[in-house]
Amino acid sequence: MSDDLAAPDGLPWHWEWVPDIRPDDEEYAAWTAHIVALFADWTSGGLDAARLAWPAEAGVEFPFTSDMVGQGAAAWLLHRAGQLPAWSRLAWGAAFVQGSARWAPVPVVVEFRRPREEDPNYLMEVVGASGRDGDARQPTIDYVTTPIGDGVQVFALGRTPEGAAFGRAEAAMRLDVPPVGGAASVSSDVVLTTVVFEMGLMALISAGVEQLMQQIAHDCAPPADGGPARLGFATTTEGSQR
């Protein structure tokens, strides 16, 4: 989807969609190999350092390889994507710090919804802008402008029943795709949701989600050459789109 575009805080993110494929599909092997190659590139340095630090008295060789990391990430992403309804897709990101991938994969559920109300302000409630049960404090709210619509982004700290701190990042935007090639204009409400547990990632996730919002808007807009948009909308169930 993206090529390490810079997020609003200046740190680059890499975003991709998880495809709708299964182990017996032709695309499965190629996509898994792609993920393995990415994680081999991103994790080789860290794994080499960990391997050197592995104690000789452990009695076994260092048990991890970059291929194992990539294979595990690919399997987990496909499993998570397979749990989503038809009008949702799973995006995953990687956050880079000083040129190295620090967090990956970061999953974000993206729902494409037919607008429920003419006024998009109802989306503030959808993303819990006034707070949710379990929030430790009032959420922070940021507004996002894209070339084909505006949105809102919410971040709040919470705590699990076991006491672990987490950050919930939710966002929504109303996209108004202009008519092209004789097709009618179309509007869609896009809702993004993720939860993160690492403190450092909590500080970066809002900027990463905003970059993803901008990328989705860019891919939904008609290209300058008049061809089809990379992301199009088709009704799948009442009130939902894909």
C-alpha atoms as a PDB file:
ATOM      1  CA  MET A   1       0.000   0.000   0.000  1.00  0.00           C
ATOM      2  CA  SER A   2       2.719   2.455   0.945  1.00  0.00           C
ATOM      3  CA  ASP A   3       6.443   2.816   0.579  1.00  0.00           C
ATOM      4  CA  ASP A   4       7.568   3.965   4.035  1.00  0.00           C
ATOM      5  CA  LEU A   5       5.745   7.296   3.751  1.00  0.00           C
ATOM      6  CA  ALA A   6       6.546   9.815   6.448  1.00  0.00           C
ATOM      7  CA  ALA A   7       3.950  10.053   9.194  1.00  0.00           C
ATOM      8  CA  PRO A   8       2.952  13.478  10.566  1.00  0.00           C
ATOM      9  CA  ASP A   9       5.515  13.203  13.377  1.00  0.00           C
ATOM     10  CA  GLY A  10       8.302  12.724  10.806  1.00  0.00           C
ATOM     11  CA  LEU A  11       8.875   9.033  11.546  1.00  0.00           C
ATOM     12  CA  PRO A  12       8.279   6.695   8.601  1.00  0.00           C
ATOM     13  CA  TRP A  13       5.685   3.936   8.635  1.00  0.00           C
ATOM     14  CA  HIS A  14       5.138   1.094   6.214  1.00  0.00           C
ATOM     15  CA  TRP A  15       1.503   0.061   5.622  1.00  0.00           C
ATOM     16  CA  GLU A  16       0.054  -2.899   3.742  1.00  0.00           C
ATOM     17  CA  TRP A  17      -3.286  -4.698   3.432  1.00  0.00           C
ATOM     18  CA  VAL A  18      -3.633  -8.318   4.451  1.00  0.00           C
ATOM     19  CA  PRO A  19      -5.096 -10.113   1.403  1.00  0.00           C
ATOM     20  CA  ASP A  20      -8.173 -12.317   1.502  1.00  0.00           C
ATOM     21  CA  ILE A  21      -6.374 -15.587   0.813  1.00  0.00           C
ATOM     22  CA  ARG A  22      -6.141 -19.092   2.256  1.00  0.00           C
ATOM     23  CA  PRO A  23      -3.327 -21.684   2.314  1.00  0.00           C
ATOM     24  CA  ASP A  24      -4.694 -23.441  -0.781  1.00  0.00           C
ATOM     25  CA  ASP A  25      -4.857 -20.205  -2.835  1.00  0.00           C
ATOM     26  CA  GLU A  26      -2.219 -19.592  -5.513  1.00  0.00           C
ATOM     27  CA  GLU A  27      -1.280 -16.231  -3.975  1.00  0.00           C
ATOM     28  CA  TYR A  28      -0.629 -17.679  -0.517  1.00  0.00           C
ATOM     29  CA  ALA A  29       2.975 -18.803  -1.081  1.00  0.00           C
ATOM     30  CA  ALA A  30       3.988 -15.574  -2.822  1.00  0.00           C
ATOM     31  CA  TRP A  31       2.437 -13.346  -0.150  1.00  0.00           C
ATOM     32  CA  THR A  32       3.971 -15.353   2.690  1.00  0.00           C
ATOM     33  CA  ALA A  33       7.376 -15.190   0.990  1.00  0.00           C
ATOM     34  CA  HIS A  34       6.948 -11.415   0.694  1.00  0.00           C
ATOM     35  CA  ILE A  35       6.265 -11.100   4.440  1.00  0.00           C
ATOM     36  CA  VAL A  36       9.169 -13.412   5.288  1.00  0.00           C
ATOM     37  CA  ALA A  37      11.510 -11.288   3.149  1.00  0.00           C
ATOM     38  CA  LEU A  38      10.370  -8.068   4.833  1.00  0.00           C
ATOM     39  CA  PHE A  39      10.861  -9.425   8.333  1.00  0.00           C
ATOM     40  CA  ALA A  40      14.192 -11.015   7.406  1.00  0.00           C
ATOM     41  CA  ASP A  41      15.391  -7.563   6.378  1.00  0.00           C
ATOM     42  CA  TRP A  42      13.940  -5.844   9.421  1.00  0.00           C
ATOM     43  CA  THR A  43      14.969  -8.349  12.111  1.00  0.00           C
ATOM     44  CA  SER A  44      18.312  -9.719  10.937  1.00  0.00           C
ATOM     45  CA  GLY A  45      20.414  -7.222  12.894  1.00  0.00           C
ATOM     46  CA  GLY A  46      18.524  -7.693  16.139  1.00  0.00           C
ATOM     47  CA  LEU A  47      18.536 -11.469  15.845  1.00  0.00           C
ATOM     48  CA  ASP A  48      22.270 -11.491  15.100  1.00  0.00           C
ATOM     49  CA  ALA A  49      22.902  -9.507  18.289  1.00  0.00           C
ATOM     50  CA  ALA A  50      20.632 -11.790  20.307  1.00  0.00           C
ATOM     51  CA  ARG A  51      22.369 -14.852  18.872  1.00  0.00           C
ATOM     52  CA  LEU A  52      25.775 -13.531  19.963  1.00  0.00           C
ATOM     53  CA  ALA A  53      24.424 -12.906  23.455  1.00  0.00           C
ATOM     54  CA  TRP A  54      22.861 -16.360  23.718  1.00  0.00           C
ATOM     55  CA  PRO A  55      24.540 -18.127  26.690  1.00  0.00           C
ATOM     56  CA  ALA A  56      26.663 -21.142  25.842  1.00  0.00           C
ATOM     57  CA  GLU A  57      25.438 -22.866  29.007  1.00  0.00           C
ATOM     58  CA  ALA A  58      21.908 -22.926  27.582  1.00  0.00           C
ATOM     59  CA  GLY A  59      22.814 -26.259  26.005  1.00  0.00           C
ATOM     60  CA  VAL A  60      20.817 -25.565  22.818  1.00  0.00           C
ATOM     61  CA  GLU A  61      21.391 -23.384  19.795  1.00  0.00           C
ATOM     62  CA  PHE A  62      19.677 -20.032  19.465  1.00  0.00           C
ATOM     63  CA  PRO A  63      16.110 -21.065  18.556  1.00  0.00           C
ATOM     64  CA  PHE A  64      14.910 -18.175  16.377  1.00  0.00           C
ATOM     65  CA  THR A  65      15.459 -17.167  12.750  1.00  0.00           C
ATOM     66  CA  SER A  66      14.151 -14.276  10.668  1.00  0.00           C
ATOM     67  CA  ASP A  67      12.200 -16.763   8.557  1.00  0.00           C
ATOM     68  CA  MET A  68      10.408 -17.996  11.663  1.00  0.00           C
ATOM     69  CA  VAL A  69       9.478 -14.429  12.607  1.00  0.00           C
ATOM     70  CA  GLY A  70       8.095 -13.735   9.135  1.00  0.00           C
ATOM     71  CA  GLN A  71       6.219 -17.012   8.943  1.00  0.00           C
ATOM     72  CA  GLY A  72       4.651 -16.380  12.340  1.00  0.00           C
ATOM     73  CA  ALA A  73       3.654 -12.831  11.415  1.00  0.00           C
ATOM     74  CA  ALA A  74       2.083 -13.958   8.127  1.00  0.00           C
ATOM     75  CA  ALA A  75       0.090 -16.747   9.775  1.00  0.00           C
ATOM     76  CA  TRP A  76      -1.152 -14.474  12.564  1.00  0.00           C
ATOM     77  CA  LEU A  77      -2.190 -11.690  10.177  1.00  0.00           C
ATOM     78  CA  LEU A  78      -4.116 -14.062   7.916  1.00  0.00           C
ATOM     79  CA  HIS A  79      -5.868 -15.631  10.907  1.00  0.00           C
ATOM     80  CA  ARG A  80      -6.873 -12.223  12.265  1.00  0.00           C
ATOM     81  CA  ALA A  81      -8.051 -11.015   8.849  1.00  0.00           C
ATOM     82  CA  GLY A  82     -10.147 -14.151   8.440  1.00  0.00           C
ATOM     83  CA  GLN A  83     -12.135 -13.251  11.573  1.00  0.00           C
ATOM     84  CA  LEU A  84     -13.390  -9.940  10.145  1.00  0.00           C
ATOM     85  CA  PRO A  85     -16.760  -9.339   8.451  1.00  0.00           C
ATOM     86  CA  ALA A  86     -16.927  -8.808   4.695  1.00  0.00           C
ATOM     87  CA  TRP A  87     -17.001  -5.009   4.927  1.00  0.00           C
ATOM     88  CA  SER A  88     -13.758  -4.854   6.933  1.00  0.00           C
ATOM     89  CA  ARG A  89     -10.129  -5.269   6.000  1.00  0.00           C
ATOM     90  CA  LEU A  90      -7.000  -5.665   8.072  1.00  0.00           C
ATOM     91  CA  ALA A  91      -4.117  -3.279   7.509  1.00  0.00           C
ATOM     92  CA  TRP A  92      -0.789  -3.815   9.193  1.00  0.00           C
ATOM     93  CA  GLY A  93       2.015  -1.365   9.749  1.00  0.00           C
ATOM     94  CA  ALA A  94       5.635  -1.141  10.797  1.00  0.00           C
ATOM     95  CA  ALA A  95       7.030   1.879  12.636  1.00  0.00           C
ATOM     96  CA  PHE A  96      10.631   2.848  11.985  1.00  0.00           C
ATOM     97  CA  VAL A  97      12.997   4.585  14.399  1.00  0.00           C
ATOM     98  CA  GLN A  98      16.418   5.715  13.132  1.00  0.00           C
ATOM     99  CA  GLY A  99      15.955   3.637  10.007  1.00  0.00           C
ATOM    100  CA  SER A 100      15.116   0.382  11.780  1.00  0.00           C
ATOM    101  CA  ALA A 101      11.717  -1.276  12.123  1.00  0.00           C
ATOM    102  CA  ARG A 102      10.929  -0.948  15.826  1.00  0.00           C
ATOM    103  CA  TRP A 103       7.358  -2.278  15.936  1.00  0.00           C
ATOM    104  CA  ALA A 104       5.772  -4.723  13.473  1.00  0.00           C
ATOM    105  CA  PRO A 105       3.237  -5.916  12.650  1.00  0.00           C
ATOM    106  CA  VAL A 106       0.869  -3.289  14.054  1.00  0.00           C
ATOM    107  CA  PRO A 107      -2.680  -4.374  13.069  1.00  0.00           C
ATOM    108  CA  VAL A 108      -5.490  -1.911  12.312  1.00  0.00           C
ATOM    109  CA  VAL A 109      -9.045  -3.011  11.536  1.00  0.00           C
ATOM    110  CA  VAL A 110     -10.536  -0.816   8.784  1.00  0.00           C
ATOM    111  CA  GLU A 111     -14.309  -0.832   8.275  1.00  0.00           C
ATOM    112  CA  PHE A 112     -15.970   0.647   5.186  1.00  0.00           C
ATOM    113  CA  ARG A 113     -19.506   1.718   6.064  1.00  0.00           C
ATOM    114  CA  ARG A 114     -22.360   3.251   4.152  1.00  0.00           C
ATOM    115  CA  PRO A 115     -23.036   6.608   5.906  1.00  0.00           C
ATOM    116  CA  ARG A 116     -25.660   6.099   8.594  1.00  0.00           C
ATOM    117  CA  GLU A 117     -26.515   9.787   8.853  1.00  0.00           C
ATOM    118  CA  GLU A 118     -26.106  12.738   6.544  1.00  0.00           C
ATOM    119  CA  ASP A 119     -24.180  14.620   9.217  1.00  0.00           C
ATOM    120  CA  PRO A 120     -20.871  12.808   9.808  1.00  0.00           C
ATOM    121  CA  ASN A 121     -20.668  14.112  13.383  1.00  0.00           C
ATOM    122  CA  TYR A 122     -22.272  10.861  14.533  1.00  0.00           C
ATOM    123  CA  LEU A 123     -18.853   9.285  13.928  1.00  0.00           C
ATOM    124  CA  MET A 124     -17.610  11.029  17.079  1.00  0.00           C
ATOM    125  CA  GLU A 125     -19.760   8.602  19.069  1.00  0.00           C
ATOM    126  CA  VAL A 126     -18.632   5.645  16.944  1.00  0.00           C
ATOM    127  CA  VAL A 127     -14.981   6.252  17.898  1.00  0.00           C
ATOM    128  CA  GLY A 128     -15.689   6.975  21.556  1.00  0.00           C
ATOM    129  CA  ALA A 129     -14.630  10.608  21.459  1.00  0.00           C
ATOM    130  CA  SER A 130     -16.395  11.323  24.768  1.00  0.00           C
ATOM    131  CA  GLY A 131     -14.726   8.322  26.412  1.00  0.00           C
ATOM    132  CA  ARG A 132     -15.439   4.637  26.953  1.00  0.00           C
ATOM    133  CA  ASP A 133     -15.752   2.462  30.026  1.00  0.00           C
ATOM    134  CA  GLY A 134     -12.232   1.529  30.983  1.00  0.00           C
ATOM    135  CA  ASP A 135     -10.585   4.738  29.793  1.00  0.00           C
ATOM    136  CA  ALA A 136      -8.183   5.978  32.428  1.00  0.00           C
ATOM    137  CA  ARG A 137      -8.596   9.607  31.360  1.00  0.00           C
ATOM    138  CA  GLN A 138     -10.418  11.697  28.802  1.00  0.00           C
ATOM    139  CA  PRO A 139      -9.346  10.866  25.227  1.00  0.00           C
ATOM    140  CA  THR A 140      -7.276  13.234  23.147  1.00  0.00           C
ATOM    141  CA  ILE A 141      -8.978  14.258  19.894  1.00  0.00           C
ATOM    142  CA  ASP A 142      -7.305  15.336  16.673  1.00  0.00           C
ATOM    143  CA  TYR A 143      -8.945  16.304  13.408  1.00  0.00           C
ATOM    144  CA  VAL A 144      -7.659  15.056  10.069  1.00  0.00           C
ATOM    145  CA  THR A 145      -8.161  16.583   6.630  1.00  0.00           C
ATOM    146  CA  THR A 146      -7.723  14.560   3.428  1.00  0.00           C
ATOM    147  CA  PRO A 147      -8.196  15.602  -0.219  1.00  0.00           C
ATOM    148  CA  ILE A 148     -11.616  13.879  -0.380  1.00  0.00           C
ATOM    149  CA  GLY A 149     -12.948  14.185   3.156  1.00  0.00           C
ATOM    150  CA  ASP A 150     -12.304  14.963   6.786  1.00  0.00           C
ATOM    151  CA  GLY A 151     -12.067  12.823   9.863  1.00  0.00           C
ATOM    152  CA  VAL A 152     -11.343  12.581  13.555  1.00  0.00           C
ATOM    153  CA  GLN A 153      -8.809  10.591  15.508  1.00  0.00           C
ATOM    154  CA  VAL A 154      -9.123   9.560  19.166  1.00  0.00           C
ATOM    155  CA  PHE A 155      -6.488   8.193  21.541  1.00  0.00           C
ATOM    156  CA  ALA A 156      -7.131   7.115  25.124  1.00  0.00           C
ATOM    157  CA  LEU A 157      -5.250   5.235  27.813  1.00  0.00           C
ATOM    158  CA  GLY A 158      -6.909   2.287  29.482  1.00  0.00           C
ATOM    159  CA  ARG A 159      -6.143  -0.673  31.703  1.00  0.00           C
ATOM    160  CA  THR A 160      -7.077  -4.320  31.287  1.00  0.00           C
ATOM    161  CA  PRO A 161      -8.789  -6.243  34.135  1.00  0.00           C
ATOM    162  CA  GLU A 162      -5.353  -7.741  34.850  1.00  0.00           C
ATOM    163  CA  GLY A 163      -3.891  -4.255  35.268  1.00  0.00           C
ATOM    164  CA  ALA A 164      -1.932  -3.954  32.010  1.00  0.00           C
ATOM    165  CA  ALA A 165      -1.913  -0.473  30.465  1.00  0.00           C
ATOM    166  CA  PHE A 166      -2.923  -0.057  26.839  1.00  0.00           C
ATOM    167  CA  GLY A 167      -3.735   2.659  24.361  1.00  0.00           C
ATOM    168  CA  ARG A 168      -6.830   2.568  22.171  1.00  0.00           C
ATOM    169  CA  ALA A 169      -6.563   4.402  18.884  1.00  0.00           C
ATOM    170  CA  GLU A 170      -9.780   4.888  16.939  1.00  0.00           C
ATOM    171  CA  ALA A 171     -10.428   7.068  13.924  1.00  0.00           C
ATOM    172  CA  ALA A 172     -13.175   7.749  11.401  1.00  0.00           C
ATOM    173  CA  MET A 173     -13.581   9.812   8.264  1.00  0.00           C
ATOM    174  CA  ARG A 174     -16.291  10.612   5.735  1.00  0.00           C
ATOM    175  CA  LEU A 175     -14.911  10.197   2.230  1.00  0.00           C
ATOM    176  CA  ASP A 176     -16.767  11.752  -0.701  1.00  0.00           C
ATOM    177  CA  VAL A 177     -15.402  10.202  -3.872  1.00  0.00           C
ATOM    178  CA  PRO A 178     -16.120  12.461  -6.867  1.00  0.00           C
ATOM    179  CA  PRO A 179     -17.722  11.044 -10.028  1.00  0.00           C
ATOM    180  CA  VAL A 180     -15.397   9.757 -12.726  1.00  0.00           C
ATOM    181  CA  GLY A 181     -15.906   8.028 -16.046  1.00  0.00           C
ATOM    182  CA  GLY A 182     -19.661   8.388 -15.946  1.00  0.00           C
ATOM    183  CA  ALA A 183     -19.940   6.740 -12.532  1.00  0.00           C
ATOM    184  CA  ALA A 184     -21.884   8.426  -9.767  1.00  0.00           C
ATOM    185  CA  SER A 185     -20.170   9.998  -6.785  1.00  0.00           C
ATOM    186  CA  VAL A 186     -20.130   7.844  -3.660  1.00  0.00           C
ATOM    187  CA  SER A 187     -19.693   8.517   0.035  1.00  0.00           C
ATOM    188  CA  SER A 188     -18.287   6.122   2.577  1.00  0.00           C
ATOM    189  CA  ASP A 189     -17.550   6.281   6.279  1.00  0.00           C
ATOM    190  CA  VAL A 190     -14.250   4.621   7.129  1.00  0.00           C
ATOM    191  CA  VAL A 191     -13.602   3.541  10.723  1.00  0.00           C
ATOM    192  CA  LEU A 192     -10.163   2.459  11.957  1.00  0.00           C
ATOM    193  CA  THR A 193      -9.460   0.678  15.248  1.00  0.00           C
ATOM    194  CA  THR A 194      -6.396  -0.681  17.010  1.00  0.00           C
ATOM    195  CA  VAL A 195      -5.079  -1.281  20.534  1.00  0.00           C
ATOM    196  CA  VAL A 196      -1.389  -1.070  21.494  1.00  0.00           C
ATOM    197  CA  PHE A 197       0.396  -2.075  24.680  1.00  0.00           C
ATOM    198  CA  GLU A 198       3.990  -0.835  24.306  1.00  0.00           C
ATOM    199  CA  MET A 199       4.598   2.595  25.814  1.00  0.00           C
ATOM    200  CA  GLY A 200       6.802   3.767  22.953  1.00  0.00           C
ATOM    201  CA  LEU A 201       4.262   2.679  20.371  1.00  0.00           C
ATOM    202  CA  MET A 202       1.524   4.564  22.230  1.00  0.00           C
ATOM    203  CA  ALA A 203       3.442   7.755  21.481  1.00  0.00           C
ATOM    204  CA  LEU A 204       3.607   6.989  17.748  1.00  0.00           C
ATOM    205  CA  ILE A 205       0.371   5.198  16.907  1.00  0.00           C
ATOM    206  CA  SER A 206      -1.731   8.321  16.284  1.00  0.00           C
ATOM    207  CA  ALA A 207       0.708   9.586  13.658  1.00  0.00           C
ATOM    208  CA  GLY A 208       0.806   6.146  12.044  1.00  0.00           C
ATOM    209  CA  VAL A 209      -2.988   5.867  11.913  1.00  0.00           C
ATOM    210  CA  GLU A 210      -3.207   9.346  10.392  1.00  0.00           C
ATOM    211  CA  GLN A 211      -0.794   8.274   7.665  1.00  0.00           C
ATOM    212  CA  LEU A 212      -2.982   5.226   7.032  1.00  0.00           C
ATOM    213  CA  MET A 213      -6.053   7.479   6.804  1.00  0.00           C
ATOM    214  CA  GLN A 214      -4.318   9.652   4.225  1.00  0.00           C
ATOM    215  CA  GLN A 215      -3.246   6.590   2.246  1.00  0.00           C
ATOM    216  CA  ILE A 216      -6.793   5.188   2.203  1.00  0.00           C
ATOM    217  CA  ALA A 217      -8.190   8.533   1.032  1.00  0.00           C
ATOM    218  CA  HIS A 218      -5.516   8.716  -1.684  1.00  0.00           C
ATOM    219  CA  ASP A 219      -6.320   5.200  -2.882  1.00  0.00           C
ATOM    220  CA  CYS A 220     -10.076   5.896  -2.929  1.00  0.00           C
ATOM    221  CA  ALA A 221      -9.743   9.071  -5.005  1.00  0.00           C
ATOM    222  CA  PRO A 222      -9.878   8.828  -8.810  1.00  0.00           C
ATOM    223  CA  PRO A 223      -6.355   9.024 -10.257  1.00  0.00           C
ATOM    224  CA  ALA A 224      -5.359  11.902 -12.492  1.00  0.00           C
ATOM    225  CA  ASP A 225      -5.309   9.689 -15.598  1.00  0.00           C
ATOM    226  CA  GLY A 226      -9.016   8.949 -15.208  1.00  0.00           C
ATOM    227  CA  GLY A 227      -8.522   5.242 -14.482  1.00  0.00           C
ATOM    228  CA  PRO A 228     -10.131   3.307 -11.651  1.00  0.00           C
ATOM    229  CA  ALA A 229      -9.236   4.068  -8.049  1.00  0.00           C
ATOM    230  CA  ARG A 230      -7.053   1.557  -6.233  1.00  0.00           C
ATOM    231  CA  LEU A 231      -9.839   1.186  -3.670  1.00  0.00           C
ATOM    232  CA  GLY A 232     -13.437   1.143  -4.840  1.00  0.00           C
ATOM    233  CA  PHE A 233     -16.674   0.701  -2.935  1.00  0.00           C
ATOM    234  CA  ALA A 234     -19.364  -1.908  -3.481  1.00  0.00           C
ATOM    235  CA  THR A 235     -22.269  -2.591  -1.125  1.00  0.00           C
ATOM    236  CA  THR A 236     -21.969  -5.962   0.633  1.00  0.00           C
ATOM    237  CA  THR A 237     -24.600  -5.721   3.369  1.00  0.00           C
ATOM    238  CA  GLU A 238     -27.029  -3.025   4.300  1.00  0.00           C
ATOM    239  CA  GLY A 239     -25.096  -0.213   5.912  1.00  0.00           C
ATOM    240  CA  SER A 240     -21.704  -1.608   4.967  1.00  0.00           C
ATOM    241  CA  GLN A 241     -19.355  -1.338   2.031  1.00  0.00           C
ATOM    242  CA  ARG A 242     -16.187  -2.881   0.724  1.00  0.00           C
END
